[in-house]
Structures are given as structure tokens and as C-alpha cells.
Amino acid sequence: MICAVGAAIALGGCAHQAVTRSGFLNSYDHLVPESPQSKNLVMRPAPGLLAGYDAVFVEPVEVRVSTQENDAAMGEVAVLATEALRKELGADWTIADSPGGARTLRVHTALTAVKTSNPALNIVLFILLPVPLDNGGLSAESEFVDASSGQLVGAIAWAGQGLWDPVGYFSPYGHPRQLTEGLARSVAAVLKRDRPAPLGTEAAPASPEAPTPLRSSLPR
């Protein structure tokens, strides 16, 4: 029994999902830790800048993983991520129907890495311990772009692991599906519009003449 438990733990164990630098973002140079306790990396919009925008357009989330995955399952995760982004951002923004508009931000997101759980292993672990240990995870990258100028306003490289959703241990893509909500909350937090601009700072949409000429790789 002890040997069986030890072997199961060696094969399982809680996996920690890593933040990626997949090349999806136009630049990673300005990303900094989200907080001292977070592994997520963010480029926050300049203070007051978001006050110059009225709406966001959420691009359909793309799948850019380098591993061999179930296409249908990953497509479902991408759809869930798109829906979650629209829901979370819709609490603070008007969701635009098209990417046009002088006061609109485009939110361009890709799923860049995924880790599936092992249901068969977790059933064994649950019987022996009883605790499932082989969790799933999800990584994503997102950039926020001025719809008119194409200028990069902000970005995030995010990762999460499914530790608290028991159902996800028994479905290979259960945790990635559930983690789309955490991704959406993190994106919405970066784009929250309650940061006041410093005195003397004019809040206006990004433009080609802005002092930091970072641009997205998105087609205009």
C-alpha cells in the first residue's frame, strides 16, 4: 500500500502553471510582476489613459499552444475564455460590436499553454489517499490596443492552475475550462477605469504621436 501511494504521488503532484513568452505579444519589454506575490506579468495603461476610451472590443480568443491537444476541447476553452472576457469587461465597459471607433480598445488574447489533468491517476489517488493531485493549468497572453492608431496600451501574461475545483481533476480539460474565469478577472483588473490621472496629466486616447511608440502586431 505504501509503495502504491508513493508511486502515485510521484506520478501526480500538484502542477504549477508557468507564465509564457510565446511571441504572441508584440513586446515583453515593459511587463512587470503584477504584485510581489504574483507570477503574472503586466504592462498597465498609463494613469488616466483609460478615461479617454468608451468601449472595448473583445477579439475571439485564439489557441496558440505548442503541445498536441484535442482541437475540439481547446476550441471550447477558447470560446469560454471569450465569453468570460466579455462578461467581466462588460461590468466596467461598453462591449463594442466591431473594432472600429476612435475611443475603442481592442482586447486581443491567446491561450499559449495548457496542462490537462489525468482523471485515471486522480481516481487512483482519490481511492488511496483520498486526495486527487494531478491538476490542470492554463496560460494566456493578452494585449490591449488602441483601435484607431494600433498603439499598444497595455498587456498581460497570465497563468493559473486548477487547485480548488474538484470536478476538474476528473476531466482532462476541466481545469482549463474553469480557469478562463480567472483569466478574465485578471484582464478586467488591468483595464479597470478607476485610477485617477496625476494632476496636470491629460487623459486622452493613445495616438501615433504619443511619446511611447509601442505598437501591437494586430492588423489594423
Protein backbone atom coordinates (compact mmCIF):
# COMPACT_ATOMS: atom_id res chain seq x y z
CA MET A 1 0.00 0.00 0.00
CA ILE A 2 2.80 2.45 0.94
CA CYS A 3 4.65 1.72 -2.29
CA ALA A 4 1.49 2.24 -4.32
CA VAL A 5 0.80 5.57 -2.63
CA GLY A 6 4.39 6.69 -3.15
CA ALA A 7 4.31 5.77 -6.83
CA ALA A 8 1.01 7.56 -7.34
CA ILE A 9 2.32 10.73 -5.68
CA ALA A 10 5.48 10.59 -7.77
CA LEU A 11 3.41 10.36 -10.93
CA GLY A 12 0.96 13.01 -9.81
CA GLY A 13 1.66 16.02 -7.64
CA CYS A 14 0.23 19.49 -7.97
CA ALA A 15 1.49 21.07 -11.19
CA HIS A 16 2.32 24.78 -11.18
CA GLN A 17 1.49 26.54 -14.43
CA ALA A 18 4.14 28.92 -15.76
CA VAL A 19 3.70 32.29 -17.45
CA THR A 20 4.71 32.13 -21.12
CA ARG A 21 6.61 34.37 -23.52
CA SER A 22 5.28 32.72 -26.66
CA GLY A 23 5.84 35.56 -29.12
CA PHE A 24 2.14 36.34 -29.31
CA LEU A 25 2.64 39.77 -27.75
CA ASN A 26 4.39 42.40 -29.82
CA SER A 27 6.76 43.17 -26.93
CA TYR A 28 7.55 41.76 -23.49
CA ASP A 29 9.99 44.51 -22.51
CA HIS A 30 7.54 46.54 -20.43
CA LEU A 31 5.95 43.68 -18.50
CA VAL A 32 6.46 43.76 -14.72
CA PRO A 33 5.18 41.49 -11.92
CA GLU A 34 1.50 42.07 -11.20
CA SER A 35 2.32 42.08 -7.46
CA PRO A 36 5.12 40.78 -5.23
CA GLN A 37 3.12 37.58 -4.66
CA SER A 38 2.02 37.03 -8.29
CA LYS A 39 3.77 35.29 -11.14
CA ASN A 40 1.63 37.16 -13.66
CA LEU A 41 3.30 39.92 -15.67
CA VAL A 42 1.51 43.11 -16.69
CA MET A 43 2.03 46.32 -18.63
CA ARG A 44 -0.52 48.65 -17.05
CA PRO A 45 -2.05 51.53 -19.02
CA ALA A 46 -0.65 54.91 -18.02
CA PRO A 47 -2.64 56.54 -15.18
CA GLY A 48 -5.73 58.28 -16.52
CA LEU A 49 -5.27 56.96 -20.06
CA LEU A 50 -8.29 54.66 -19.94
CA ALA A 51 -10.55 57.64 -19.25
CA GLY A 52 -10.19 58.53 -22.92
CA TYR A 53 -11.92 55.34 -24.06
CA ASP A 54 -15.61 54.48 -24.11
CA ALA A 55 -15.69 50.83 -25.17
CA VAL A 56 -13.71 47.63 -25.64
CA PHE A 57 -13.89 45.16 -28.49
CA VAL A 58 -13.06 41.60 -27.40
CA GLU A 59 -11.41 39.67 -30.21
CA PRO A 60 -12.25 35.93 -30.32
CA VAL A 61 -9.63 34.23 -28.18
CA GLU A 62 -7.04 32.31 -30.21
CA VAL A 63 -5.32 28.99 -29.45
CA ARG A 64 -1.52 29.25 -29.74
CA VAL A 65 -0.32 26.25 -27.73
CA SER A 66 2.79 24.37 -28.81
CA THR A 67 1.68 20.96 -27.46
CA GLN A 68 -0.54 18.42 -29.20
CA GLU A 69 -4.02 18.92 -27.78
CA ASN A 70 -7.60 17.96 -28.51
CA ASP A 71 -8.68 20.61 -31.03
CA ALA A 72 -12.37 20.46 -30.10
CA ALA A 73 -11.63 20.76 -26.38
CA MET A 74 -9.24 23.68 -26.88
CA GLY A 75 -11.77 25.36 -29.14
CA GLU A 76 -14.31 25.08 -26.34
CA VAL A 77 -11.83 26.58 -23.85
CA ALA A 78 -11.20 29.48 -26.25
CA VAL A 79 -14.94 30.13 -26.61
CA LEU A 80 -15.37 30.07 -22.83
CA ALA A 81 -12.46 32.49 -22.46
CA THR A 82 -14.02 34.88 -24.98
CA GLU A 83 -17.37 34.75 -23.18
CA ALA A 84 -15.71 35.24 -19.78
CA LEU A 85 -13.76 38.27 -21.04
CA ARG A 86 -16.91 39.87 -22.42
CA LYS A 87 -18.76 39.25 -19.16
CA GLU A 88 -16.02 40.60 -16.87
CA LEU A 89 -15.14 43.59 -19.04
CA GLY A 90 -18.84 44.31 -19.57
CA ALA A 91 -19.14 45.16 -15.87
CA ASP A 92 -16.94 48.24 -16.40
CA TRP A 93 -17.06 48.88 -20.15
CA THR A 94 -19.41 49.04 -23.10
CA ILE A 95 -18.67 45.99 -25.25
CA ALA A 96 -18.30 47.14 -28.86
CA ASP A 97 -19.71 45.07 -31.73
CA SER A 98 -16.81 45.98 -34.05
CA PRO A 99 -13.18 47.05 -33.59
CA GLY A 100 -13.72 50.46 -35.20
CA GLY A 101 -14.17 53.68 -33.30
CA ALA A 102 -11.90 56.46 -32.13
CA ARG A 103 -12.47 55.69 -28.44
CA THR A 104 -12.34 51.89 -28.51
CA LEU A 105 -9.78 49.41 -27.19
CA ARG A 106 -9.21 46.05 -28.83
CA VAL A 107 -8.55 43.15 -26.45
CA HIS A 108 -6.50 40.52 -28.30
CA THR A 109 -5.93 37.27 -26.37
CA ALA A 110 -4.36 33.86 -26.98
CA LEU A 111 -4.20 30.67 -24.95
CA THR A 112 -0.48 29.90 -25.02
CA ALA A 113 -0.07 26.78 -22.86
CA VAL A 114 -2.31 24.17 -21.30
CA LYS A 115 -1.84 21.32 -18.85
CA THR A 116 -4.53 18.66 -18.67
CA SER A 117 -5.32 16.63 -15.57
CA ASN A 118 -5.10 12.84 -15.55
CA PRO A 119 -8.52 11.52 -14.50
CA ALA A 120 -7.41 7.86 -14.26
CA LEU A 121 -4.50 8.76 -11.99
CA ASN A 122 -6.67 11.02 -9.88
CA ILE A 123 -9.21 8.21 -9.34
CA VAL A 124 -6.39 6.01 -8.01
CA LEU A 125 -5.09 8.83 -5.82
CA PHE A 126 -8.58 9.58 -4.55
CA ILE A 127 -9.06 5.93 -3.54
CA LEU A 128 -5.66 5.63 -1.85
CA LEU A 129 -5.20 8.98 -0.09
CA PRO A 130 -8.05 10.09 -0.74
CA VAL A 131 -6.84 13.28 -2.46
CA PRO A 132 -6.51 13.88 -6.23
CA LEU A 133 -3.20 15.59 -7.03
CA ASP A 134 -2.80 15.80 -10.80
CA ASN A 135 -4.35 19.19 -11.58
CA GLY A 136 -4.68 21.06 -14.87
CA GLY A 137 -3.48 24.55 -15.77
CA LEU A 138 -3.77 27.30 -18.35
CA SER A 139 -1.52 30.13 -19.61
CA ALA A 140 -2.56 33.07 -21.76
CA GLU A 141 -1.30 36.36 -23.13
CA SER A 142 -3.42 39.41 -23.91
CA GLU A 143 -2.73 42.86 -25.32
CA PHE A 144 -4.90 45.97 -25.27
CA VAL A 145 -4.64 48.12 -28.38
CA ASP A 146 -6.00 51.48 -29.49
CA ALA A 147 -8.47 50.57 -32.24
CA SER A 148 -7.68 53.69 -34.30
CA SER A 149 -3.91 54.02 -34.06
CA GLY A 150 -2.88 50.43 -33.34
CA GLN A 151 -0.81 51.63 -30.40
CA LEU A 152 -0.23 49.25 -27.53
CA VAL A 153 -1.96 50.48 -24.37
CA GLY A 154 -1.34 47.54 -22.03
CA ALA A 155 -0.77 43.79 -21.83
CA ILE A 156 -0.71 40.79 -19.52
CA ALA A 157 0.99 37.39 -19.46
CA TRP A 158 -1.11 35.21 -17.16
CA ALA A 159 -1.10 31.67 -15.77
CA GLY A 160 -3.31 29.73 -13.39
CA GLN A 161 -3.61 26.22 -12.03
CA GLY A 162 -6.79 24.44 -11.01
CA LEU A 163 -6.35 23.55 -7.37
CA TRP A 164 -9.75 24.29 -5.86
CA ASP A 165 -12.19 22.84 -8.40
CA PRO A 166 -12.65 19.14 -7.51
CA VAL A 167 -14.59 18.33 -10.69
CA GLY A 168 -11.66 19.49 -12.84
CA TYR A 169 -9.46 16.66 -11.52
CA PHE A 170 -11.70 14.12 -13.24
CA SER A 171 -11.94 15.74 -16.69
CA PRO A 172 -8.77 16.34 -18.77
CA TYR A 173 -9.75 19.90 -19.74
CA GLY A 174 -11.92 20.60 -16.71
CA HIS A 175 -9.45 22.90 -15.00
CA PRO A 176 -8.54 24.87 -18.17
CA ARG A 177 -12.25 25.48 -18.75
CA GLN A 178 -12.74 26.73 -15.19
CA LEU A 179 -9.58 28.87 -15.31
CA THR A 180 -10.92 31.02 -18.15
CA GLU A 181 -12.86 32.93 -15.49
CA GLY A 182 -9.66 33.73 -13.59
CA LEU A 183 -8.02 34.91 -16.81
CA ALA A 184 -10.95 37.23 -17.49
CA ARG A 185 -10.85 38.68 -13.97
CA SER A 186 -7.14 39.44 -14.31
CA VAL A 187 -7.61 41.17 -17.68
CA ALA A 188 -10.52 43.18 -16.28
CA ALA A 189 -8.40 44.22 -13.29
CA VAL A 190 -5.68 45.64 -15.56
CA LEU A 191 -8.32 47.55 -17.55
CA LYS A 192 -10.27 48.85 -14.55
CA ARG A 193 -11.05 52.53 -15.06
CA ASP A 194 -10.84 53.89 -11.54
CA ARG A 195 -7.24 55.11 -11.47
CA PRO A 196 -7.21 58.93 -11.37
CA ALA A 197 -4.74 60.74 -13.57
CA PRO A 198 -1.96 62.69 -11.80
CA LEU A 199 -2.53 66.44 -11.56
CA GLY A 200 -1.68 68.12 -14.84
CA THR A 201 -1.94 64.86 -16.78
CA GLU A 202 -4.33 64.95 -19.71
CA ALA A 203 -6.27 61.74 -20.23
CA ALA A 204 -6.59 61.08 -23.94
CA PRO A 205 -6.61 58.01 -26.17
CA ALA A 206 -3.26 56.75 -27.37
CA SER A 207 -2.20 58.09 -30.75
CA PRO A 208 0.71 57.70 -33.15
CA GLU A 209 2.15 60.91 -31.72
CA ALA A 210 2.23 59.57 -28.14
CA PRO A 211 5.68 59.54 -26.55
CA THR A 212 5.89 55.74 -26.20
CA PRO A 213 5.53 54.36 -29.75
CA LEU A 214 4.84 50.75 -28.79
CA ARG A 215 2.64 49.09 -31.36
CA SER A 216 0.74 45.87 -31.48
CA SER A 217 1.21 43.22 -34.10
CA LEU A 218 -2.55 43.28 -34.75
CA PRO A 219 -3.61 44.15 -38.30
CA ARG A 220 -5.35 47.50 -38.48
